[in-house]
Amino acid sequence: MVQATSAETLKQAEVEIDRLLSQRHHLRPGQEKDFSIRNLTELLSAQQETARTMSWLLRSIAFVSLVVGGIGIMNIMLVSVTERTREVGIRMAIGARSRDILGQFLIEAVVLSSVGGLVGIVAGIATAHIMAYFTQWPVLITIPTLVGSFLIAGAVGVFFGFYPARKAAQLNPIEALRYE
């Protein structure tokens, strides 16, 4: 094991080490070397590239999970709108405006996704601590990460809940009252 005095002198140190080892192993110029010199900065850059790849992979999985969860929320809300068509018709007949109906269904979608987000946060924290216990890895969970996760869950509810809420808000009150 040899250490260079600085990153700038690393290449020069490798050249000098190569020359010294070749001399001590009595190797002639052009002869195959019976030693190898490894630079740990190459290993470090390989580890950093692996970490970047894993980070990209985890982000992709999270994105797909958010889209799948959002589609689930949208489907649940569409079923809710269909099942509550008469209720929406009655509310509109007694004076509820389209924006009131829109707001009601958007709030329901946000609550649904936020509860799912809270369950996911709790499950993630528990999983992280369980893995840390068995692998002896340190765990760092920050408040901004938790708040960001919760806000993203709410945003998914707004994004995927808007279409069903809009569909409910645009129902014709007469048609909605007749709906069986």
C-alpha atoms as a PDB file:
ATOM      1  CA  MET A   1       0.000   0.000   0.000  1.00  0.00           C
ATOM      2  CA  VAL A   2       1.358   3.370  -1.047  1.00  0.00           C
ATOM      3  CA  GLN A   3      -0.210   6.779  -0.667  1.00  0.00           C
ATOM      4  CA  ALA A   4       0.500   9.868  -2.766  1.00  0.00           C
ATOM      5  CA  THR A   5       0.937  13.199  -1.020  1.00  0.00           C
ATOM      6  CA  SER A   6      -1.850  14.780  -3.090  1.00  0.00           C
ATOM      7  CA  ALA A   7      -4.183  14.067  -5.992  1.00  0.00           C
ATOM      8  CA  GLU A   8      -1.940  16.095  -8.286  1.00  0.00           C
ATOM      9  CA  THR A   9       1.098  13.884  -7.600  1.00  0.00           C
ATOM     10  CA  LEU A  10      -0.801  10.628  -8.019  1.00  0.00           C
ATOM     11  CA  LYS A  11       0.190   9.939 -11.630  1.00  0.00           C
ATOM     12  CA  GLN A  12       3.833  10.763 -10.951  1.00  0.00           C
ATOM     13  CA  ALA A  13       3.775   8.453  -7.904  1.00  0.00           C
ATOM     14  CA  GLU A  14       2.371   5.616 -10.048  1.00  0.00           C
ATOM     15  CA  VAL A  15       5.162   6.074 -12.597  1.00  0.00           C
ATOM     16  CA  GLU A  16       7.839   6.080  -9.890  1.00  0.00           C
ATOM     17  CA  ILE A  17       6.354   3.020  -8.156  1.00  0.00           C
ATOM     18  CA  ASP A  18       6.207   1.175 -11.478  1.00  0.00           C
ATOM     19  CA  ARG A  19       9.843   2.025 -12.170  1.00  0.00           C
ATOM     20  CA  LEU A  20      10.979   0.995  -8.656  1.00  0.00           C
ATOM     21  CA  LEU A  21       9.071  -2.322  -8.700  1.00  0.00           C
ATOM     22  CA  SER A  22      10.344  -3.142 -12.198  1.00  0.00           C
ATOM     23  CA  GLN A  23      13.895  -2.498 -10.995  1.00  0.00           C
ATOM     24  CA  ARG A  24      13.514  -4.596  -7.824  1.00  0.00           C
ATOM     25  CA  HIS A  25      11.855  -7.461  -9.722  1.00  0.00           C
ATOM     26  CA  HIS A  26      14.713  -7.378 -12.245  1.00  0.00           C
ATOM     27  CA  LEU A  27      12.356  -6.821 -15.212  1.00  0.00           C
ATOM     28  CA  ARG A  28      13.792  -5.765 -18.533  1.00  0.00           C
ATOM     29  CA  PRO A  29      12.032  -3.132 -20.680  1.00  0.00           C
ATOM     30  CA  GLY A  30       9.133  -4.777 -22.565  1.00  0.00           C
ATOM     31  CA  GLN A  31       9.054  -7.802 -20.257  1.00  0.00           C
ATOM     32  CA  GLU A  32       5.662  -8.739 -18.744  1.00  0.00           C
ATOM     33  CA  LYS A  33       5.254  -7.372 -15.219  1.00  0.00           C
ATOM     34  CA  ASP A  34       4.574  -9.700 -12.313  1.00  0.00           C
ATOM     35  CA  PHE A  35       2.836  -6.962 -10.283  1.00  0.00           C
ATOM     36  CA  SER A  36      -0.060  -4.570 -10.717  1.00  0.00           C
ATOM     37  CA  ILE A  37      -0.676  -1.044  -9.570  1.00  0.00           C
ATOM     38  CA  ARG A  38      -4.211   0.003  -8.728  1.00  0.00           C
ATOM     39  CA  ASN A  39      -5.422   3.526  -8.273  1.00  0.00           C
ATOM     40  CA  LEU A  40      -8.258   3.730  -5.718  1.00  0.00           C
ATOM     41  CA  THR A  41      -9.691   6.816  -7.415  1.00  0.00           C
ATOM     42  CA  GLU A  42     -10.719   4.516 -10.270  1.00  0.00           C
ATOM     43  CA  LEU A  43     -12.505   2.297  -7.765  1.00  0.00           C
ATOM     44  CA  LEU A  44     -14.126   5.349  -6.213  1.00  0.00           C
ATOM     45  CA  SER A  45     -15.378   6.593  -9.586  1.00  0.00           C
ATOM     46  CA  ALA A  46     -16.783   3.125 -10.345  1.00  0.00           C
ATOM     47  CA  GLN A  47     -18.607   3.141  -6.995  1.00  0.00           C
ATOM     48  CA  GLN A  48     -19.975   6.627  -7.678  1.00  0.00           C
ATOM     49  CA  GLU A  49     -21.222   5.523 -11.095  1.00  0.00           C
ATOM     50  CA  THR A  50     -22.905   2.498  -9.501  1.00  0.00           C
ATOM     51  CA  ALA A  51     -24.535   4.777  -6.910  1.00  0.00           C
ATOM     52  CA  ARG A  52     -25.793   7.100  -9.673  1.00  0.00           C
ATOM     53  CA  THR A  53     -27.233   4.147 -11.571  1.00  0.00           C
ATOM     54  CA  MET A  54     -28.956   2.794  -8.463  1.00  0.00           C
ATOM     55  CA  SER A  55     -30.330   6.244  -7.667  1.00  0.00           C
ATOM     56  CA  TRP A  56     -31.730   6.556 -11.190  1.00  0.00           C
ATOM     57  CA  LEU A  57     -33.235   3.077 -10.919  1.00  0.00           C
ATOM     58  CA  LEU A  58     -34.884   3.876  -7.570  1.00  0.00           C
ATOM     59  CA  ARG A  59     -36.282   7.149  -8.933  1.00  0.00           C
ATOM     60  CA  SER A  60     -37.726   5.277 -11.900  1.00  0.00           C
ATOM     61  CA  ILE A  61     -39.353   2.714  -9.618  1.00  0.00           C
ATOM     62  CA  ALA A  62     -40.782   5.502  -7.448  1.00  0.00           C
ATOM     63  CA  PHE A  63     -42.169   7.290 -10.519  1.00  0.00           C
ATOM     64  CA  VAL A  64     -43.837   4.128 -11.807  1.00  0.00           C
ATOM     65  CA  SER A  65     -45.255   3.485  -8.331  1.00  0.00           C
ATOM     66  CA  LEU A  66     -46.688   7.002  -8.192  1.00  0.00           C
ATOM     67  CA  VAL A  67     -48.298   6.620 -11.610  1.00  0.00           C
ATOM     68  CA  VAL A  68     -49.786   3.223 -10.726  1.00  0.00           C
ATOM     69  CA  GLY A  69     -51.040   4.572  -7.394  1.00  0.00           C
ATOM     70  CA  GLY A  70     -52.477   7.628  -9.141  1.00  0.00           C
ATOM     71  CA  ILE A  71     -54.318   5.476 -11.651  1.00  0.00           C
ATOM     72  CA  GLY A  72     -55.715   3.461  -8.738  1.00  0.00           C
ATOM     73  CA  ILE A  73     -56.919   6.660  -7.055  1.00  0.00           C
ATOM     74  CA  MET A  74     -58.484   7.843 -10.301  1.00  0.00           C
ATOM     75  CA  ASN A  75     -60.325   4.553 -10.749  1.00  0.00           C
ATOM     76  CA  ILE A  76     -61.588   4.588  -7.161  1.00  0.00           C
ATOM     77  CA  MET A  77     -62.786   8.153  -7.591  1.00  0.00           C
ATOM     78  CA  LEU A  78     -64.506   7.338 -10.909  1.00  0.00           C
ATOM     79  CA  VAL A  79     -66.372   4.504  -9.194  1.00  0.00           C
ATOM     80  CA  SER A  80     -67.249   6.860  -6.358  1.00  0.00           C
ATOM     81  CA  VAL A  81     -68.626   9.433  -8.816  1.00  0.00           C
ATOM     82  CA  THR A  82     -70.677   6.751 -10.577  1.00  0.00           C
ATOM     83  CA  GLU A  83     -72.087   5.372  -7.321  1.00  0.00           C
ATOM     84  CA  ARG A  84     -72.910   8.836  -5.981  1.00  0.00           C
ATOM     85  CA  THR A  85     -74.450  10.307  -9.107  1.00  0.00           C
ATOM     86  CA  ARG A  86     -77.861  10.748  -7.444  1.00  0.00           C
ATOM     87  CA  GLU A  87     -76.213  12.428  -4.438  1.00  0.00           C
ATOM     88  CA  VAL A  88     -74.434  14.865  -6.761  1.00  0.00           C
ATOM     89  CA  GLY A  89     -77.730  15.525  -8.561  1.00  0.00           C
ATOM     90  CA  ILE A  90     -79.519  16.263  -5.294  1.00  0.00           C
ATOM     91  CA  ARG A  91     -76.738  18.573  -4.127  1.00  0.00           C
ATOM     92  CA  MET A  92     -76.813  20.452  -7.421  1.00  0.00           C
ATOM     93  CA  ALA A  93     -80.635  20.635  -7.372  1.00  0.00           C
ATOM     94  CA  ILE A  94     -80.597  22.320  -3.965  1.00  0.00           C
ATOM     95  CA  GLY A  95     -77.981  24.882  -4.965  1.00  0.00           C
ATOM     96  CA  ALA A  96     -74.494  23.389  -4.986  1.00  0.00           C
ATOM     97  CA  ARG A  97     -72.330  24.899  -7.699  1.00  0.00           C
ATOM     98  CA  SER A  98     -70.032  22.943  -9.984  1.00  0.00           C
ATOM     99  CA  ARG A  99     -66.988  24.223  -8.100  1.00  0.00           C
ATOM    100  CA  ASP A 100     -68.481  22.910  -4.822  1.00  0.00           C
ATOM    101  CA  ILE A 101     -68.799  19.430  -6.317  1.00  0.00           C
ATOM    102  CA  LEU A 102     -65.328  19.727  -7.868  1.00  0.00           C
ATOM    103  CA  GLY A 103     -63.861  20.762  -4.508  1.00  0.00           C
ATOM    104  CA  GLN A 104     -65.609  17.924  -2.650  1.00  0.00           C
ATOM    105  CA  PHE A 105     -64.254  15.230  -4.939  1.00  0.00           C
ATOM    106  CA  LEU A 106     -60.787  16.798  -5.100  1.00  0.00           C
ATOM    107  CA  ILE A 107     -60.647  16.869  -1.296  1.00  0.00           C
ATOM    108  CA  GLU A 108     -61.655  13.202  -1.212  1.00  0.00           C
ATOM    109  CA  ALA A 109     -58.918  12.321  -3.715  1.00  0.00           C
ATOM    110  CA  VAL A 110     -56.294  14.284  -1.755  1.00  0.00           C
ATOM    111  CA  VAL A 111     -57.342  12.674   1.526  1.00  0.00           C
ATOM    112  CA  LEU A 112     -57.211   9.234  -0.082  1.00  0.00           C
ATOM    113  CA  SER A 113     -53.749   9.802  -1.538  1.00  0.00           C
ATOM    114  CA  SER A 114     -52.440  11.504   1.622  1.00  0.00           C
ATOM    115  CA  VAL A 115     -53.514   8.586   3.793  1.00  0.00           C
ATOM    116  CA  GLY A 116     -51.778   6.269   1.304  1.00  0.00           C
ATOM    117  CA  GLY A 117     -48.723   8.537   1.483  1.00  0.00           C
ATOM    118  CA  LEU A 118     -48.687   8.375   5.289  1.00  0.00           C
ATOM    119  CA  VAL A 119     -48.962   4.583   5.201  1.00  0.00           C
ATOM    120  CA  GLY A 120     -46.091   4.505   2.688  1.00  0.00           C
ATOM    121  CA  ILE A 121     -43.955   6.811   4.824  1.00  0.00           C
ATOM    122  CA  VAL A 122     -44.508   4.699   7.938  1.00  0.00           C
ATOM    123  CA  ALA A 123     -43.808   1.494   5.995  1.00  0.00           C
ATOM    124  CA  GLY A 124     -40.667   3.038   4.489  1.00  0.00           C
ATOM    125  CA  ILE A 125     -39.331   4.164   7.861  1.00  0.00           C
ATOM    126  CA  ALA A 126     -40.039   0.761   9.381  1.00  0.00           C
ATOM    127  CA  THR A 127     -38.387  -1.039   6.463  1.00  0.00           C
ATOM    128  CA  ALA A 128     -35.340   1.240   6.620  1.00  0.00           C
ATOM    129  CA  HIS A 129     -34.881   0.598  10.337  1.00  0.00           C
ATOM    130  CA  ILE A 130     -35.356  -3.159   9.937  1.00  0.00           C
ATOM    131  CA  MET A 131     -32.774  -3.255   7.139  1.00  0.00           C
ATOM    132  CA  ALA A 132     -30.411  -1.080   9.188  1.00  0.00           C
ATOM    133  CA  TYR A 133     -30.735  -3.456  12.127  1.00  0.00           C
ATOM    134  CA  PHE A 134     -29.860  -6.536  10.083  1.00  0.00           C
ATOM    135  CA  THR A 135     -27.196  -4.990   7.842  1.00  0.00           C
ATOM    136  CA  GLN A 136     -25.684  -2.588  10.399  1.00  0.00           C
ATOM    137  CA  TRP A 137     -26.059   0.264   7.889  1.00  0.00           C
ATOM    138  CA  PRO A 138     -26.687   3.762   9.179  1.00  0.00           C
ATOM    139  CA  VAL A 139     -30.107   5.269   8.437  1.00  0.00           C
ATOM    140  CA  LEU A 140     -30.693   8.938   7.740  1.00  0.00           C
ATOM    141  CA  ILE A 141     -34.318  10.021   7.496  1.00  0.00           C
ATOM    142  CA  THR A 142     -34.797  13.784   7.387  1.00  0.00           C
ATOM    143  CA  ILE A 143     -37.890  15.866   8.015  1.00  0.00           C
ATOM    144  CA  PRO A 144     -37.689  17.587   4.589  1.00  0.00           C
ATOM    145  CA  THR A 145     -37.724  14.163   2.929  1.00  0.00           C
ATOM    146  CA  LEU A 146     -40.798  13.113   4.888  1.00  0.00           C
ATOM    147  CA  VAL A 147     -42.608  16.402   4.206  1.00  0.00           C
ATOM    148  CA  GLY A 148     -41.684  16.211   0.520  1.00  0.00           C
ATOM    149  CA  SER A 149     -43.005  12.652   0.300  1.00  0.00           C
ATOM    150  CA  PHE A 150     -46.281  13.686   1.911  1.00  0.00           C
ATOM    151  CA  LEU A 151     -46.651  16.694  -0.414  1.00  0.00           C
ATOM    152  CA  ILE A 152     -45.954  14.552  -3.473  1.00  0.00           C
ATOM    153  CA  ALA A 153     -48.642  12.106  -2.331  1.00  0.00           C
ATOM    154  CA  GLY A 154     -51.101  15.001  -2.048  1.00  0.00           C
ATOM    155  CA  ALA A 155     -50.093  16.305  -5.484  1.00  0.00           C
ATOM    156  CA  VAL A 156     -50.729  12.859  -6.967  1.00  0.00           C
ATOM    157  CA  GLY A 157     -54.227  13.011  -5.448  1.00  0.00           C
ATOM    158  CA  VAL A 158     -54.898  16.399  -7.028  1.00  0.00           C
ATOM    159  CA  PHE A 159     -53.491  15.394 -10.409  1.00  0.00           C
ATOM    160  CA  PHE A 160     -55.248  12.045 -10.711  1.00  0.00           C
ATOM    161  CA  GLY A 161     -58.386  13.133  -8.852  1.00  0.00           C
ATOM    162  CA  PHE A 162     -59.064  16.135 -11.073  1.00  0.00           C
ATOM    163  CA  TYR A 163     -60.655  14.187 -13.950  1.00  0.00           C
ATOM    164  CA  PRO A 164     -63.189  12.317 -11.778  1.00  0.00           C
ATOM    165  CA  ALA A 165     -63.944  15.509  -9.821  1.00  0.00           C
ATOM    166  CA  ARG A 166     -64.484  17.433 -13.055  1.00  0.00           C
ATOM    167  CA  LYS A 167     -66.705  14.652 -14.369  1.00  0.00           C
ATOM    168  CA  ALA A 168     -68.839  14.884 -11.223  1.00  0.00           C
ATOM    169  CA  ALA A 169     -68.952  18.691 -11.392  1.00  0.00           C
ATOM    170  CA  GLN A 170     -70.163  18.630 -14.997  1.00  0.00           C
ATOM    171  CA  LEU A 171     -73.070  16.259 -14.358  1.00  0.00           C
ATOM    172  CA  ASN A 172     -76.455  17.523 -15.468  1.00  0.00           C
ATOM    173  CA  PRO A 173     -78.594  17.715 -12.282  1.00  0.00           C
ATOM    174  CA  ILE A 174     -81.713  16.378 -14.034  1.00  0.00           C
ATOM    175  CA  GLU A 175     -79.849  13.433 -15.554  1.00  0.00           C
ATOM    176  CA  ALA A 176     -78.108  12.765 -12.240  1.00  0.00           C
ATOM    177  CA  LEU A 177     -81.433  12.637 -10.374  1.00  0.00           C
ATOM    178  CA  ARG A 178     -82.777  10.114 -12.875  1.00  0.00           C
ATOM    179  CA  TYR A 179     -79.685   7.917 -12.616  1.00  0.00           C
ATOM    180  CA  GLU A 180     -80.360   4.455 -11.205  1.00  0.00           C
END
